[in-house]
C-alpha atoms as a PDB file:
ATOM      1  CA  MET A   1       5.513  10.619   3.888  1.00  0.00           C
ATOM      2  CA  PHE A   2       2.610   9.650   1.644  1.00  0.00           C
ATOM      3  CA  THR A   3      -1.150  10.177   1.566  1.00  0.00           C
ATOM      4  CA  GLY A   4      -2.342   6.759   0.438  1.00  0.00           C
ATOM      5  CA  LEU A   5      -3.750   8.224  -2.775  1.00  0.00           C
ATOM      6  CA  VAL A   6      -2.378   5.993  -5.534  1.00  0.00           C
ATOM      7  CA  ARG A   7      -1.143   8.063  -8.467  1.00  0.00           C
ATOM      8  CA  GLU A   8      -0.458   5.274 -10.918  1.00  0.00           C
ATOM      9  CA  VAL A   9      -0.668   1.516 -11.315  1.00  0.00           C
ATOM     10  CA  GLY A  10       2.639   0.278 -12.698  1.00  0.00           C
ATOM     11  CA  ASP A  11       3.772  -3.012 -14.205  1.00  0.00           C
ATOM     12  CA  VAL A  12       6.738  -4.957 -12.886  1.00  0.00           C
ATOM     13  CA  VAL A  13       9.302  -5.256 -15.675  1.00  0.00           C
ATOM     14  CA  GLY A  14      11.724  -7.338 -13.651  1.00  0.00           C
ATOM     15  CA  PHE A  15      12.638  -8.379 -10.150  1.00  0.00           C
ATOM     16  CA  ASP A  16      16.038 -10.019  -9.908  1.00  0.00           C
ATOM     17  CA  GLY A  17      18.455 -10.156  -6.995  1.00  0.00           C
ATOM     18  CA  GLY A  18      16.565  -7.539  -5.026  1.00  0.00           C
ATOM     19  CA  ARG A  19      16.394  -5.029  -7.906  1.00  0.00           C
ATOM     20  CA  LEU A  20      12.753  -4.214  -8.681  1.00  0.00           C
ATOM     21  CA  THR A  21      12.081  -2.438 -11.982  1.00  0.00           C
ATOM     22  CA  VAL A  22       8.630  -1.000 -12.657  1.00  0.00           C
ATOM     23  CA  SER A  23       7.136   0.594 -15.753  1.00  0.00           C
ATOM     24  CA  ALA A  24       5.583   3.836 -14.500  1.00  0.00           C
ATOM     25  CA  PRO A  25       5.554   6.486 -17.244  1.00  0.00           C
ATOM     26  CA  GLY A  26       3.333   8.895 -15.279  1.00  0.00           C
ATOM     27  CA  ILE A  27       5.646   9.050 -12.273  1.00  0.00           C
ATOM     28  CA  ALA A  28       8.991   8.278 -13.947  1.00  0.00           C
ATOM     29  CA  THR A  29       9.023  11.491 -15.965  1.00  0.00           C
ATOM     30  CA  ASP A  30       9.330  13.548 -12.760  1.00  0.00           C
ATOM     31  CA  ALA A  31      11.393  11.081 -10.698  1.00  0.00           C
ATOM     32  CA  GLN A  32      14.983  11.623  -9.663  1.00  0.00           C
ATOM     33  CA  LEU A  33      17.571   9.359  -8.069  1.00  0.00           C
ATOM     34  CA  GLY A  34      16.991   9.194  -4.326  1.00  0.00           C
ATOM     35  CA  ASP A  35      13.263   9.985  -4.465  1.00  0.00           C
ATOM     36  CA  SER A  36      10.927   7.992  -2.250  1.00  0.00           C
ATOM     37  CA  VAL A  37       8.080   6.142  -3.944  1.00  0.00           C
ATOM     38  CA  ALA A  38       5.513   3.903  -2.258  1.00  0.00           C
ATOM     39  CA  VAL A  39       5.265   0.599  -4.136  1.00  0.00           C
ATOM     40  CA  ASP A  40       2.209  -1.329  -2.897  1.00  0.00           C
ATOM     41  CA  GLY A  41       2.560   0.723   0.274  1.00  0.00           C
ATOM     42  CA  VAL A  42       6.279   0.072   0.797  1.00  0.00           C
ATOM     43  CA  CYS A  43       8.534   3.143   0.825  1.00  0.00           C
ATOM     44  CA  LEU A  44      11.389   2.465  -1.595  1.00  0.00           C
ATOM     45  CA  THR A  45      14.190   4.675  -2.918  1.00  0.00           C
ATOM     46  CA  VAL A  46      14.617   5.280  -6.645  1.00  0.00           C
ATOM     47  CA  VAL A  47      18.074   3.948  -7.590  1.00  0.00           C
ATOM     48  CA  ALA A  48      17.694   4.241 -11.375  1.00  0.00           C
ATOM     49  CA  CYS A  49      15.132   5.853 -13.661  1.00  0.00           C
ATOM     50  CA  ASP A  50      14.433   6.895 -17.198  1.00  0.00           C
ATOM     51  CA  GLU A  51      11.388   8.448 -18.876  1.00  0.00           C
ATOM     52  CA  SER A  52       9.213   5.374 -18.329  1.00  0.00           C
ATOM     53  CA  THR A  53      10.718   3.090 -15.655  1.00  0.00           C
ATOM     54  CA  LEU A  54      11.802   3.242 -12.047  1.00  0.00           C
ATOM     55  CA  ALA A  55      14.195   0.859 -10.307  1.00  0.00           C
ATOM     56  CA  PHE A  56      14.449   0.147  -6.589  1.00  0.00           C
ATOM     57  CA  ASP A  57      16.574  -2.093  -4.373  1.00  0.00           C
ATOM     58  CA  ALA A  58      14.576  -4.277  -1.979  1.00  0.00           C
ATOM     59  CA  VAL A  59      16.790  -5.611   0.820  1.00  0.00           C
ATOM     60  CA  PRO A  60      16.078  -8.904   2.653  1.00  0.00           C
ATOM     61  CA  GLU A  61      14.505  -7.022   5.618  1.00  0.00           C
ATOM     62  CA  THR A  62      11.964  -5.402   3.283  1.00  0.00           C
ATOM     63  CA  LEU A  63      11.202  -8.675   1.524  1.00  0.00           C
ATOM     64  CA  ALA A  64      10.724 -10.496   4.852  1.00  0.00           C
ATOM     65  CA  ARG A  65       8.250  -7.917   6.211  1.00  0.00           C
ATOM     66  CA  THR A  66       6.173  -7.206   3.092  1.00  0.00           C
ATOM     67  CA  SER A  67       4.532  -8.997   0.200  1.00  0.00           C
ATOM     68  CA  LEU A  68       6.993  -7.549  -2.355  1.00  0.00           C
ATOM     69  CA  GLY A  69       8.831 -10.878  -2.597  1.00  0.00           C
ATOM     70  CA  THR A  70       5.779 -12.406  -4.321  1.00  0.00           C
ATOM     71  CA  LEU A  71       5.995  -9.988  -7.263  1.00  0.00           C
ATOM     72  CA  GLY A  72       6.922 -11.284 -10.675  1.00  0.00           C
ATOM     73  CA  ALA A  73       7.111  -9.925 -14.209  1.00  0.00           C
ATOM     74  CA  ARG A  74       3.845  -8.273 -15.258  1.00  0.00           C
ATOM     75  CA  SER A  75       2.591  -7.979 -11.661  1.00  0.00           C
ATOM     76  CA  ARG A  76       0.640  -4.758 -11.185  1.00  0.00           C
ATOM     77  CA  VAL A  77       1.624  -2.444  -8.315  1.00  0.00           C
ATOM     78  CA  ASN A  78       0.161   0.691  -6.736  1.00  0.00           C
ATOM     79  CA  LEU A  79       2.533   3.660  -6.926  1.00  0.00           C
ATOM     80  CA  GLU A  80       2.607   6.982  -5.110  1.00  0.00           C
ATOM     81  CA  PRO A  81       5.441   9.510  -5.077  1.00  0.00           C
ATOM     82  CA  ALA A  82       6.263  11.109  -1.727  1.00  0.00           C
ATOM     83  CA  LEU A  83       4.133  14.026  -0.571  1.00  0.00           C
ATOM     84  CA  ARG A  84       5.756  17.366  -1.315  1.00  0.00           C
ATOM     85  CA  ALA A  85       5.340  20.461   0.848  1.00  0.00           C
ATOM     86  CA  GLY A  86       2.273  22.415  -0.213  1.00  0.00           C
ATOM     87  CA  GLU A  87       0.483  19.495  -1.857  1.00  0.00           C
ATOM     88  CA  PRO A  88      -3.011  18.675  -0.597  1.00  0.00           C
ATOM     89  CA  LEU A  89      -3.365  15.845   1.911  1.00  0.00           C
ATOM     90  CA  GLY A  90      -6.407  13.959   0.658  1.00  0.00           C
ATOM     91  CA  GLY A  91      -5.950  10.565   2.302  1.00  0.00           C
ATOM     92  CA  HIS A  92      -4.226  10.131   5.666  1.00  0.00           C
ATOM     93  CA  TYR A  93      -0.609  10.188   6.782  1.00  0.00           C
ATOM     94  CA  VAL A  94       1.041   7.034   5.447  1.00  0.00           C
ATOM     95  CA  GLN A  95       4.712   6.375   6.154  1.00  0.00           C
ATOM     96  CA  GLY A  96       5.341   3.479   3.797  1.00  0.00           C
ATOM     97  CA  HIS A  97       6.465   1.382   6.775  1.00  0.00           C
ATOM     98  CA  VAL A  98       4.418  -1.792   6.460  1.00  0.00           C
ATOM     99  CA  ASP A  99       3.172  -3.075   9.826  1.00  0.00           C
ATOM    100  CA  GLY A 100       2.252  -6.523   8.570  1.00  0.00           C
ATOM    101  CA  VAL A 101       1.057  -8.695   5.734  1.00  0.00           C
ATOM    102  CA  GLY A 102      -2.567  -9.789   5.632  1.00  0.00           C
ATOM    103  CA  SER A 103      -4.682 -11.437   2.994  1.00  0.00           C
ATOM    104  CA  VAL A 104      -7.993 -10.957   1.238  1.00  0.00           C
ATOM    105  CA  ARG A 105     -10.700 -12.975   3.027  1.00  0.00           C
ATOM    106  CA  SER A 106     -13.636 -12.112   0.792  1.00  0.00           C
ATOM    107  CA  VAL A 107     -14.821  -9.812  -1.972  1.00  0.00           C
ATOM    108  CA  GLU A 108     -18.539  -9.099  -2.300  1.00  0.00           C
ATOM    109  CA  PRO A 109     -20.467  -6.703  -4.539  1.00  0.00           C
ATOM    110  CA  GLU A 110     -22.012  -3.801  -2.619  1.00  0.00           C
ATOM    111  CA  GLY A 111     -24.025  -1.309  -4.652  1.00  0.00           C
ATOM    112  CA  ASP A 112     -21.741   0.036  -7.387  1.00  0.00           C
ATOM    113  CA  GLY A 113     -18.658  -0.867  -5.334  1.00  0.00           C
ATOM    114  CA  ARG A 114     -17.363  -3.847  -3.385  1.00  0.00           C
ATOM    115  CA  ARG A 115     -16.977  -4.844   0.228  1.00  0.00           C
ATOM    116  CA  MET A 116     -13.620  -6.472   0.929  1.00  0.00           C
ATOM    117  CA  ALA A 117     -12.600  -8.311   4.084  1.00  0.00           C
ATOM    118  CA  PHE A 118      -8.962  -8.806   5.053  1.00  0.00           C
ATOM    119  CA  THR A 119      -7.106 -10.853   7.651  1.00  0.00           C
ATOM    120  CA  ALA A 120      -4.634  -8.922   9.769  1.00  0.00           C
ATOM    121  CA  PRO A 121      -1.944  -9.997  12.246  1.00  0.00           C
ATOM    122  CA  PRO A 122      -3.088  -9.550  15.891  1.00  0.00           C
ATOM    123  CA  GLY A 123      -0.264  -7.105  16.623  1.00  0.00           C
ATOM    124  CA  LEU A 124      -1.549  -4.819  13.883  1.00  0.00           C
ATOM    125  CA  LEU A 125      -5.253  -5.418  14.449  1.00  0.00           C
ATOM    126  CA  ARG A 126      -5.117  -3.732  17.859  1.00  0.00           C
ATOM    127  CA  TYR A 127      -4.604  -0.415  16.017  1.00  0.00           C
ATOM    128  CA  VAL A 128      -7.559  -0.894  13.670  1.00  0.00           C
ATOM    129  CA  VAL A 129     -10.822   0.810  14.624  1.00  0.00           C
ATOM    130  CA  GLU A 130     -14.135   1.156  12.844  1.00  0.00           C
ATOM    131  CA  LYS A 131     -14.210   4.394  10.823  1.00  0.00           C
ATOM    132  CA  GLY A 132     -10.462   4.758  11.329  1.00  0.00           C
ATOM    133  CA  SER A 133      -7.851   4.842   8.569  1.00  0.00           C
ATOM    134  CA  ILE A 134      -5.733   1.996   7.236  1.00  0.00           C
ATOM    135  CA  ALA A 135      -3.473   1.633   4.199  1.00  0.00           C
ATOM    136  CA  VAL A 136      -3.946  -1.541   2.146  1.00  0.00           C
ATOM    137  CA  GLN A 137      -1.397  -1.950  -0.672  1.00  0.00           C
ATOM    138  CA  GLY A 138      -0.596   1.718  -0.091  1.00  0.00           C
ATOM    139  CA  THR A 139      -4.205   2.807  -0.582  1.00  0.00           C
ATOM    140  CA  SER A 140      -5.762   4.990   2.123  1.00  0.00           C
ATOM    141  CA  LEU A 141      -9.049   3.382   3.180  1.00  0.00           C
ATOM    142  CA  THR A 142     -11.679   3.807   5.877  1.00  0.00           C
ATOM    143  CA  VAL A 143     -12.368   0.764   8.044  1.00  0.00           C
ATOM    144  CA  ALA A 144     -16.032  -0.267   7.766  1.00  0.00           C
ATOM    145  CA  ALA A 145     -15.990  -3.103  10.330  1.00  0.00           C
ATOM    146  CA  VAL A 146     -13.557  -4.951  12.612  1.00  0.00           C
ATOM    147  CA  ASP A 147     -13.659  -8.484  14.036  1.00  0.00           C
ATOM    148  CA  ASP A 148     -11.228 -10.762  15.880  1.00  0.00           C
ATOM    149  CA  GLY A 149      -9.451 -11.860  12.699  1.00  0.00           C
ATOM    150  CA  GLY A 150      -9.443  -8.782  10.525  1.00  0.00           C
ATOM    151  CA  PHE A 151     -11.399  -5.891   9.110  1.00  0.00           C
ATOM    152  CA  GLU A 152     -13.610  -4.832   6.203  1.00  0.00           C
ATOM    153  CA  VAL A 153     -13.608  -1.848   3.871  1.00  0.00           C
ATOM    154  CA  ALA A 154     -16.193  -0.541   1.405  1.00  0.00           C
ATOM    155  CA  LEU A 155     -14.624   0.372  -1.932  1.00  0.00           C
ATOM    156  CA  ILE A 156     -16.051   2.866  -4.409  1.00  0.00           C
ATOM    157  CA  PRO A 157     -15.793   2.267  -8.174  1.00  0.00           C
ATOM    158  CA  HIS A 158     -12.982   4.843  -8.553  1.00  0.00           C
ATOM    159  CA  THR A 159     -10.757   3.009  -6.058  1.00  0.00           C
ATOM    160  CA  LEU A 160     -11.466  -0.303  -7.794  1.00  0.00           C
ATOM    161  CA  GLU A 161     -10.421   1.182 -11.157  1.00  0.00           C
ATOM    162  CA  ALA A 162      -7.487   3.384 -10.054  1.00  0.00           C
ATOM    163  CA  THR A 163      -5.691   0.803  -7.855  1.00  0.00           C
ATOM    164  CA  THR A 164      -4.853  -2.892  -7.911  1.00  0.00           C
ATOM    165  CA  LEU A 165      -7.582  -3.608  -5.335  1.00  0.00           C
ATOM    166  CA  GLY A 166     -10.183  -4.137  -8.078  1.00  0.00           C
ATOM    167  CA  ALA A 167      -8.324  -7.221  -9.350  1.00  0.00           C
ATOM    168  CA  MET A 168      -7.730  -8.830  -5.947  1.00  0.00           C
ATOM    169  CA  LYS A 169      -9.291 -12.129  -4.962  1.00  0.00           C
ATOM    170  CA  PRO A 170      -9.494 -14.192  -1.766  1.00  0.00           C
ATOM    171  CA  GLY A 171      -6.080 -15.460  -0.684  1.00  0.00           C
ATOM    172  CA  ASP A 172      -4.092 -12.596  -2.235  1.00  0.00           C
ATOM    173  CA  GLU A 173      -1.524 -11.124   0.165  1.00  0.00           C
ATOM    174  CA  VAL A 174      -1.658  -7.415   1.016  1.00  0.00           C
ATOM    175  CA  ASN A 175       0.663  -4.961   2.739  1.00  0.00           C
ATOM    176  CA  LEU A 176      -1.004  -3.273   5.716  1.00  0.00           C
ATOM    177  CA  GLU A 177      -0.076  -0.089   7.545  1.00  0.00           C
ATOM    178  CA  ALA A 178      -2.108   1.061  10.540  1.00  0.00           C
ATOM    179  CA  ASP A 179      -2.689   4.730  11.217  1.00  0.00           C
ATOM    180  CA  VAL A 180       0.520   6.059  12.816  1.00  0.00           C
ATOM    181  CA  LEU A 181      -1.466   8.135  15.333  1.00  0.00           C
ATOM    182  CA  ALA A 182      -2.730   4.968  17.061  1.00  0.00           C
ATOM    183  CA  LYS A 183       0.831   3.753  17.545  1.00  0.00           C
ATOM    184  CA  TYR A 184       1.941   7.044  19.115  1.00  0.00           C
ATOM    185  CA  VAL A 185      -1.076   7.113  21.445  1.00  0.00           C
ATOM    186  CA  GLU A 186      -0.312   3.562  22.616  1.00  0.00           C
ATOM    187  CA  ARG A 187       3.322   4.444  23.248  1.00  0.00           C
ATOM    188  CA  LEU A 188       2.416   7.539  25.258  1.00  0.00           C
ATOM    189  CA  LEU A 189      -0.137   5.679  27.374  1.00  0.00           C
ATOM    190  CA  HIS A 190       2.382   2.966  28.280  1.00  0.00           C
ATOM    191  CA  ARG A 191       4.942   5.440  29.643  1.00  0.00           C
END
């Protein structure tokens, strides 16, 4: 379980044969084998670590359902260690189970921040509501607007600086996770 509050932006050191290695000195110092870490919103298990890097295995299922397969050396990734009991929940409940891959439609300045629009698969978009929560690249965001092809968010300067979202441009792929509560409500209503 995660909160969608990115703790560090790491750099991909290597990605070969499903083994993803990321430089993450802020998180790596406390990491242990078997820990869960969200990498661009994808829950992965630490399979090797030292004082500055973390390594994960990404299986074909994960690569087929996320944008992780597009990562290369020096790619920047959002990182968040799993929520521990007693820690504050500042974002929203994020599972690290990506519901779909979308893309950046537009990026426009808005005051001191930016307004970003994203495409989203129809199966995921049904769970997206204005003023609801969504995780984009593992970042907990509030939906500002929804249309038939996607949604928009308003980003503050801190989010632009503390995550990879500030460097994104139209066409970039993003991992999307809808609020889990919407999925449970739908399931209960269909019974």
